[in-house]
Structure formats: C-alpha cells, structure tokens
Amino acid sequence: MRILGISAFYHDSAAAIIIDGEIIAAAQEERFSRKKHDPEFPAQAILFCLKEANCKITDLDSIIFYDKPLLKFERLLETYLAHAPRGIRS
C-alpha cells in the first residue's frame, strides 16, 4: 500500500510517503521554500517525496491529511483572546 501523508496550514508543513509500512521519503516544505516554519501547502515537498519513491500521484492508494480540529480551534481561540477585543472581529 502506498500512502502520501500531508500536514499543512499551521506551521512546518510537510509530506511523507509510506510504502508497505516503510517510510520511503519525508520532507518539510521550508527546505524548498526557504521560509522558516512555512505553513503553506507542501507542493514541493510532495513532489520530492513522489520522486524519491519513484511513483506518480496516480500510483498512490491513499492521501492522508493531518489535522487535529480541536487543537487548531484551541490555538485560534488563544490567539483571538490574546488580541482581544481587536481579535474578536476576525
């Protein structure tokens, strides 16, 4: 089974490919974008992982996106409260 894992939109976005339970490649987007703690979608990291694993996106069995909604909500709430009352409007 070939799995692409993606983490993005907070900080240190990254991608990894696992084939039959073995990590074949993993990379953080900041290594390519040269932006420390880059939160953007890890397009370049994904391309790197696909190349290292010698496979195409169509060869993958699953694409998994990592997110912990409650943790994200807690971080947003902390940020808004830290900047209240201005943060509440956003």
Foldseek 3Di string as FASTA:
>chain_A
DWEKEWEAQPWQTKIWIDDPNRTQFIDTQCVPVVDHRHRHGSPVRVVVRCVSVVHDPVPHPYYHYDDDVVVVVVVLVVVLVVDPPVSVVD
